[in-house]
């Protein structure tokens, strides 16, 4: 049996479980581990059966509970390399300093180490004063070399390293991969993240796609969203509500940009002009709580589908932020 369960969708957290054959994949982990497990149990899913976590991009509403969930279950996490690096930087921010400050810090550390090695009794040998400066310089170089090394220490205890994961696997957009019984086709999407992707999943002849967090529907996205049995499509905001809403103008510009989020109108335009109408289910996701209403999103999409929705095709569902959607089974 193939199953698609949206546990949460929106700016406060995104999680979806895709099941096929004997494999279960968690797409994004934007909820805390505790809340994620609670939602799974409400939806009739067992967290212990998850085989892997697949990440679309590094924004907090998609990775908030990632580390704890992966460690608790001991399962691999699949990223693009760019997304993994961005996630690690987000978890381990570094204090900014000038080069002069950094060099002075290295010199102080070297001097402190040198002082520890000096004899406590008797007069120092004359050669000590001659070599002191050079010794400090050598120590500074050693410290500098060590601080420039970014290689992760695989021996670090998980509780001391917030970025530690049981296993990390990299994939690239445009290069399909297989996780257990599920085939995954990642594709590039336009969003203000390092290397954001959407996914097409295939198992037992059923094709399902996740296409959220995209500023507009690019030609490559249109190609991917063909001949689907299920489509999870972003319908983030109503244009008038966003323009008149509480967000600062800079945030409104970001949401409206070509690397922002898909509006109700943009989603409807795709459904009306580019969508092939083949999916049994169309799920609208990532609805803004501040700049959208479920009724507005639904009505706009229904008009775009223009009577094609029925019990057998294009059944329109709305994913929620605070409760899991009933599992969709094939």
Protein backbone atom coordinates (compact mmCIF):
# COMPACT_ATOMS: atom_id res chain seq x y z
CA UNK A 1 0.00 0.00 0.00
CA UNK A 2 1.11 3.55 -0.77
CA UNK A 3 0.23 6.29 1.69
CA UNK A 4 0.77 10.05 1.89
CA UNK A 5 0.22 11.80 5.24
CA UNK A 6 0.68 15.54 5.76
CA UNK A 7 1.36 16.00 9.48
CA UNK A 8 1.80 19.76 9.35
CA UNK A 9 2.08 22.41 6.66
CA UNK A 10 2.77 26.11 7.19
CA UNK A 11 5.26 28.64 8.49
CA UNK A 12 5.30 27.04 11.97
CA UNK A 13 6.40 23.63 10.76
CA UNK A 14 6.27 21.23 7.82
CA UNK A 15 6.28 17.41 7.98
CA UNK A 16 4.93 14.72 5.64
CA UNK A 17 5.21 10.94 5.75
CA UNK A 18 5.46 9.07 2.44
CA UNK A 19 4.99 5.30 2.63
CA UNK A 20 5.45 2.70 -0.09
CA UNK A 21 6.01 -1.03 0.22
CA UNK A 22 8.08 -1.58 3.35
CA UNK A 23 9.60 1.91 3.35
CA UNK A 24 8.53 5.04 5.18
CA UNK A 25 10.17 8.42 4.60
CA UNK A 26 9.69 11.61 6.61
CA UNK A 27 9.82 14.65 4.33
CA UNK A 28 11.11 17.57 6.43
CA UNK A 29 11.11 17.75 10.22
CA UNK A 30 9.79 21.21 11.01
CA UNK A 31 8.05 20.21 14.25
CA UNK A 32 9.69 19.34 17.55
CA UNK A 33 10.38 15.64 17.97
CA UNK A 34 7.69 15.31 20.63
CA UNK A 35 5.04 17.06 18.54
CA UNK A 36 6.06 15.15 15.42
CA UNK A 37 5.60 11.81 17.18
CA UNK A 38 2.26 12.97 18.61
CA UNK A 39 1.01 13.93 15.14
CA UNK A 40 2.17 10.62 13.68
CA UNK A 41 0.26 8.67 16.32
CA UNK A 42 -2.85 10.78 15.68
CA UNK A 43 -2.56 9.87 11.99
CA UNK A 44 -2.09 6.18 12.75
CA UNK A 45 1.63 6.21 11.91
CA UNK A 46 4.31 4.56 14.05
CA UNK A 47 7.46 6.75 14.37
CA UNK A 48 9.59 3.64 14.92
CA UNK A 49 8.83 2.49 11.36
CA UNK A 50 10.48 5.53 9.70
CA UNK A 51 13.46 4.58 7.56
CA UNK A 52 14.87 8.00 6.58
CA UNK A 53 14.39 11.76 6.69
CA UNK A 54 14.48 13.78 3.48
CA UNK A 55 15.03 17.56 3.66
CA UNK A 56 13.82 20.09 1.08
CA UNK A 57 15.81 23.08 2.41
CA UNK A 58 17.34 24.50 5.57
CA UNK A 59 14.71 27.01 6.73
CA UNK A 60 13.65 26.56 10.34
CA UNK A 61 10.06 25.53 9.61
CA UNK A 62 11.46 22.51 7.76
CA UNK A 63 14.31 21.42 10.07
CA UNK A 64 13.34 22.54 13.57
CA UNK A 65 13.14 19.01 15.01
CA UNK A 66 15.56 17.32 12.64
CA UNK A 67 18.55 16.57 14.87
CA UNK A 68 16.57 15.25 17.85
CA UNK A 69 14.28 13.13 15.66
CA UNK A 70 17.12 11.59 13.65
CA UNK A 71 19.12 10.78 16.79
CA UNK A 72 16.15 9.33 18.63
CA UNK A 73 15.26 7.02 15.74
CA UNK A 74 18.85 6.40 14.57
CA UNK A 75 17.94 6.91 10.91
CA UNK A 76 19.82 8.59 8.02
CA UNK A 77 19.11 12.11 6.84
CA UNK A 78 19.21 12.96 3.13
CA UNK A 79 20.24 16.50 2.10
CA UNK A 80 21.83 18.24 -0.79
CA UNK A 81 25.37 19.09 0.28
CA UNK A 82 24.61 22.81 0.21
CA UNK A 83 21.55 22.39 2.42
CA UNK A 84 23.50 20.29 4.92
CA UNK A 85 26.24 22.91 5.18
CA UNK A 86 23.69 25.71 5.60
CA UNK A 87 21.88 23.75 8.33
CA UNK A 88 25.16 23.20 10.17
CA UNK A 89 26.01 26.92 9.98
CA UNK A 90 22.56 27.78 11.32
CA UNK A 91 23.06 25.52 14.35
CA UNK A 92 26.61 26.70 15.08
CA UNK A 93 26.78 30.47 14.55
CA UNK A 94 30.22 31.98 15.02
CA UNK A 95 31.06 35.28 16.69
CA UNK A 96 32.23 37.85 14.17
CA UNK A 97 35.72 39.35 14.65
CA UNK A 98 38.24 41.23 12.55
CA UNK A 99 41.42 39.59 11.34
CA UNK A 100 43.45 41.75 13.76
CA UNK A 101 41.29 40.60 16.69
CA UNK A 102 41.62 36.99 15.65
CA UNK A 103 45.40 37.28 15.32
CA UNK A 104 45.68 38.95 18.73
CA UNK A 105 43.57 36.16 20.24
CA UNK A 106 45.94 33.58 18.75
CA UNK A 107 48.99 35.45 20.13
CA UNK A 108 47.48 35.56 23.62
CA UNK A 109 46.73 31.85 23.54
CA UNK A 110 50.26 31.13 22.36
CA UNK A 111 51.79 33.35 25.06
CA UNK A 112 49.69 31.67 27.74
CA UNK A 113 50.85 28.24 26.61
CA UNK A 114 54.47 29.42 26.49
CA UNK A 115 54.21 30.80 30.04
CA UNK A 116 52.97 27.47 31.31
CA UNK A 117 56.11 25.80 29.97
CA UNK A 118 58.58 28.26 31.60
CA UNK A 119 60.56 27.03 34.67
CA UNK A 120 59.35 28.43 38.01
CA UNK A 121 62.77 28.37 39.77
CA UNK A 122 66.11 29.88 38.87
CA UNK A 123 67.09 32.42 36.26
CA UNK A 124 65.99 31.76 32.68
CA UNK A 125 68.65 30.85 30.21
CA UNK A 126 69.71 33.66 27.84
CA UNK A 127 68.64 31.53 24.92
CA UNK A 128 65.07 31.66 26.25
CA UNK A 129 64.75 35.38 25.54
CA UNK A 130 66.22 34.91 22.10
CA UNK A 131 63.80 32.17 21.11
CA UNK A 132 60.70 33.38 22.95
CA UNK A 133 59.31 35.45 20.10
CA UNK A 134 59.93 32.76 17.52
CA UNK A 135 58.32 30.16 19.77
CA UNK A 136 55.23 32.29 20.13
CA UNK A 137 55.10 32.83 16.37
CA UNK A 138 55.27 29.08 15.79
CA UNK A 139 52.52 28.55 18.35
CA UNK A 140 50.36 31.22 16.69
CA UNK A 141 50.75 29.48 13.35
CA UNK A 142 49.75 26.17 14.90
CA UNK A 143 46.65 27.68 16.51
CA UNK A 144 45.73 29.45 13.29
CA UNK A 145 46.06 26.23 11.33
CA UNK A 146 43.86 24.39 13.80
CA UNK A 147 41.13 27.04 13.75
CA UNK A 148 41.05 27.07 9.96
CA UNK A 149 40.32 23.35 9.83
CA UNK A 150 36.60 22.78 9.39
CA UNK A 151 36.63 18.98 9.17
CA UNK A 152 34.02 17.53 11.52
CA UNK A 153 35.25 15.42 14.44
CA UNK A 154 33.48 12.09 14.11
CA UNK A 155 34.41 11.25 17.70
CA UNK A 156 32.46 14.17 19.21
CA UNK A 157 29.76 13.14 21.62
CA UNK A 158 26.31 13.87 20.17
CA UNK A 159 25.30 15.93 23.20
CA UNK A 160 28.27 18.27 22.63
CA UNK A 161 27.75 18.73 18.90
CA UNK A 162 24.32 20.07 17.88
CA UNK A 163 24.98 19.09 14.24
CA UNK A 164 25.71 15.42 14.94
CA UNK A 165 23.47 13.01 13.04
CA UNK A 166 23.51 9.18 12.97
CA UNK A 167 24.09 9.17 9.20
CA UNK A 168 24.12 11.75 6.41
CA UNK A 169 23.51 10.99 2.73
CA UNK A 170 23.86 13.53 -0.08
CA UNK A 171 21.78 13.77 -3.23
CA UNK A 172 21.66 16.24 -6.12
CA UNK A 173 18.69 17.85 -7.82
CA UNK A 174 18.06 16.18 -11.16
CA UNK A 175 19.63 12.88 -10.09
CA UNK A 176 17.06 10.27 -8.98
CA UNK A 177 17.76 8.03 -6.01
CA UNK A 178 16.13 5.07 -4.34
CA UNK A 179 15.39 4.75 -0.63
CA UNK A 180 14.14 1.27 0.09
CA UNK A 181 11.01 0.64 -1.97
CA UNK A 182 10.53 4.32 -2.91
CA UNK A 183 12.07 6.06 -5.91
CA UNK A 184 12.77 9.75 -5.36
CA UNK A 185 13.30 12.41 -8.05
CA UNK A 186 14.54 15.71 -6.56
CA UNK A 187 14.10 18.86 -8.64
CA UNK A 188 15.28 22.44 -8.17
CA UNK A 189 12.75 25.05 -7.00
CA UNK A 190 13.10 28.86 -6.84
CA UNK A 191 13.27 29.84 -3.17
CA UNK A 192 15.57 31.97 -1.01
CA UNK A 193 17.49 29.04 0.42
CA UNK A 194 20.92 27.64 -0.48
CA UNK A 195 19.82 24.66 -2.58
CA UNK A 196 16.05 24.11 -2.24
CA UNK A 197 14.32 21.16 -3.88
CA UNK A 198 10.94 19.58 -4.42
CA UNK A 199 10.35 15.85 -4.79
CA UNK A 200 8.48 13.34 -6.91
CA UNK A 201 8.01 9.98 -5.18
CA UNK A 202 7.14 6.76 -6.96
CA UNK A 203 6.17 3.47 -5.35
CA UNK A 204 4.04 0.59 -6.61
CA UNK A 205 3.20 2.57 -9.73
CA UNK A 206 1.91 5.61 -7.78
CA UNK A 207 3.51 9.05 -8.35
CA UNK A 208 3.28 11.79 -5.70
CA UNK A 209 4.90 15.23 -5.70
CA UNK A 210 5.80 17.83 -3.07
CA UNK A 211 6.10 21.36 -4.49
CA UNK A 212 6.00 24.01 -1.77
CA UNK A 213 8.18 27.02 -0.92
CA UNK A 214 8.64 28.26 -4.46
CA UNK A 215 8.37 31.79 -5.76
CA UNK A 216 6.95 30.77 -9.12
CA UNK A 217 6.43 27.64 -11.20
CA UNK A 218 9.51 27.30 -13.39
CA UNK A 219 9.61 25.25 -16.63
CA UNK A 220 11.49 22.42 -14.94
CA UNK A 221 8.88 22.28 -12.15
CA UNK A 222 6.08 22.13 -14.74
CA UNK A 223 7.79 19.15 -16.36
CA UNK A 224 8.10 17.33 -13.02
CA UNK A 225 4.46 17.88 -12.06
CA UNK A 226 3.05 15.73 -14.87
CA UNK A 227 1.24 12.38 -14.73
CA UNK A 228 0.87 12.47 -10.95
CA UNK A 229 -1.54 10.61 -8.72
CA UNK A 230 -1.13 13.16 -5.92
CA UNK A 231 0.13 16.74 -5.90
CA UNK A 232 0.97 18.77 -2.78
CA UNK A 233 1.13 22.34 -4.10
CA UNK A 234 1.81 25.57 -2.25
CA UNK A 235 -1.00 28.12 -1.97
CA UNK A 236 0.62 30.43 0.55
CA UNK A 237 -1.11 33.79 0.49
CA UNK A 238 -3.87 35.96 -0.89
CA UNK A 239 -2.30 38.95 -2.64
CA UNK A 240 -4.62 41.57 -1.12
CA UNK A 241 -4.35 40.12 2.37
CA UNK A 242 -0.56 40.12 2.13
CA UNK A 243 -0.38 43.71 0.88
CA UNK A 244 -2.74 44.93 3.63
CA UNK A 245 -1.41 42.57 6.30
CA UNK A 246 0.84 43.03 9.33
CA UNK A 247 4.18 42.02 7.78
CA UNK A 248 6.93 44.66 7.35
CA UNK A 249 7.35 45.82 3.76
CA UNK A 250 10.70 44.03 3.46
CA UNK A 251 9.05 40.70 4.37
CA UNK A 252 6.19 41.35 1.95
CA UNK A 253 8.72 41.95 -0.82
CA UNK A 254 10.46 38.68 0.01
CA UNK A 255 7.21 36.67 -0.04
CA UNK A 256 6.13 38.27 -3.32
CA UNK A 257 9.51 37.80 -5.01
CA UNK A 258 10.46 35.07 -7.47
CA UNK A 259 12.25 33.26 -4.64
CA UNK A 260 9.42 33.69 -2.15
CA UNK A 261 6.13 31.82 -1.91
CA UNK A 262 3.37 30.87 -4.33
CA UNK A 263 0.17 32.90 -3.97
CA UNK A 264 -3.37 31.54 -4.34
CA UNK A 265 -3.54 33.24 -7.72
CA UNK A 266 -0.23 31.80 -8.93
CA UNK A 267 -1.19 28.30 -7.82
CA UNK A 268 -4.55 28.68 -9.57
CA UNK A 269 -2.87 29.87 -12.76
CA UNK A 270 -0.73 26.74 -12.80
CA UNK A 271 -3.73 24.49 -12.15
CA UNK A 272 -5.71 26.16 -14.92
CA UNK A 273 -3.06 26.54 -17.63
CA UNK A 274 -0.26 24.01 -17.03
CA UNK A 275 -1.57 21.19 -14.86
CA UNK A 276 -2.54 18.06 -16.82
CA UNK A 277 -5.48 17.20 -14.55
CA UNK A 278 -4.35 13.60 -13.98
CA UNK A 279 -3.97 13.56 -10.19
CA UNK A 280 -6.53 11.86 -8.00
CA UNK A 281 -5.74 14.29 -5.17
CA UNK A 282 -4.59 17.91 -5.17
CA UNK A 283 -3.52 19.10 -1.72
CA UNK A 284 -3.01 22.81 -1.08
CA UNK A 285 -0.23 23.41 1.43
CA UNK A 286 1.84 25.99 3.29
CA UNK A 287 -1.15 28.33 3.78
CA UNK A 288 -0.21 31.48 5.67
CA UNK A 289 -2.13 32.03 8.89
CA UNK A 290 -1.65 35.81 8.63
CA UNK A 291 -2.17 36.38 4.90
CA UNK A 292 -4.60 33.72 3.75
CA UNK A 293 -7.85 31.98 4.57
CA UNK A 294 -8.56 28.31 3.81
CA UNK A 295 -11.82 29.32 2.10
CA UNK A 296 -10.02 31.76 -0.20
CA UNK A 297 -7.41 29.18 -1.17
CA UNK A 298 -10.05 26.53 -1.81
CA UNK A 299 -12.37 28.73 -3.89
CA UNK A 300 -9.48 30.06 -6.00
CA UNK A 301 -8.24 26.54 -6.74
CA UNK A 302 -11.74 25.19 -7.44
CA UNK A 303 -12.32 27.90 -10.04
CA UNK A 304 -9.01 27.02 -11.67
CA UNK A 305 -9.88 23.34 -11.83
CA UNK A 306 -13.08 24.44 -13.59
CA UNK A 307 -15.28 21.49 -12.79
CA UNK A 308 -12.58 18.84 -13.15
CA UNK A 309 -12.72 17.99 -9.44
CA UNK A 310 -14.67 14.81 -8.65
CA UNK A 311 -14.58 11.75 -6.42
CA UNK A 312 -12.31 10.02 -8.92
CA UNK A 313 -9.97 12.87 -9.92
CA UNK A 314 -8.69 16.18 -8.59
CA UNK A 315 -10.15 15.81 -5.14
CA UNK A 316 -9.16 19.07 -3.45
CA UNK A 317 -7.78 18.88 0.10
CA UNK A 318 -6.24 21.53 2.36
CA UNK A 319 -3.27 20.69 4.56
CA UNK A 320 -3.39 22.25 8.03
CA UNK A 321 -0.83 23.76 10.36
CA UNK A 322 -2.14 22.48 13.68
CA UNK A 323 -3.53 19.03 12.86
CA UNK A 324 -2.55 16.15 10.56
CA UNK A 325 -4.48 15.55 7.37
CA UNK A 326 -6.15 12.17 7.10
CA UNK A 327 -3.79 9.76 5.30
CA UNK A 328 -4.32 9.50 1.55
CA UNK A 329 -4.09 5.85 0.51
CA UNK A 330 -3.67 4.20 -2.88
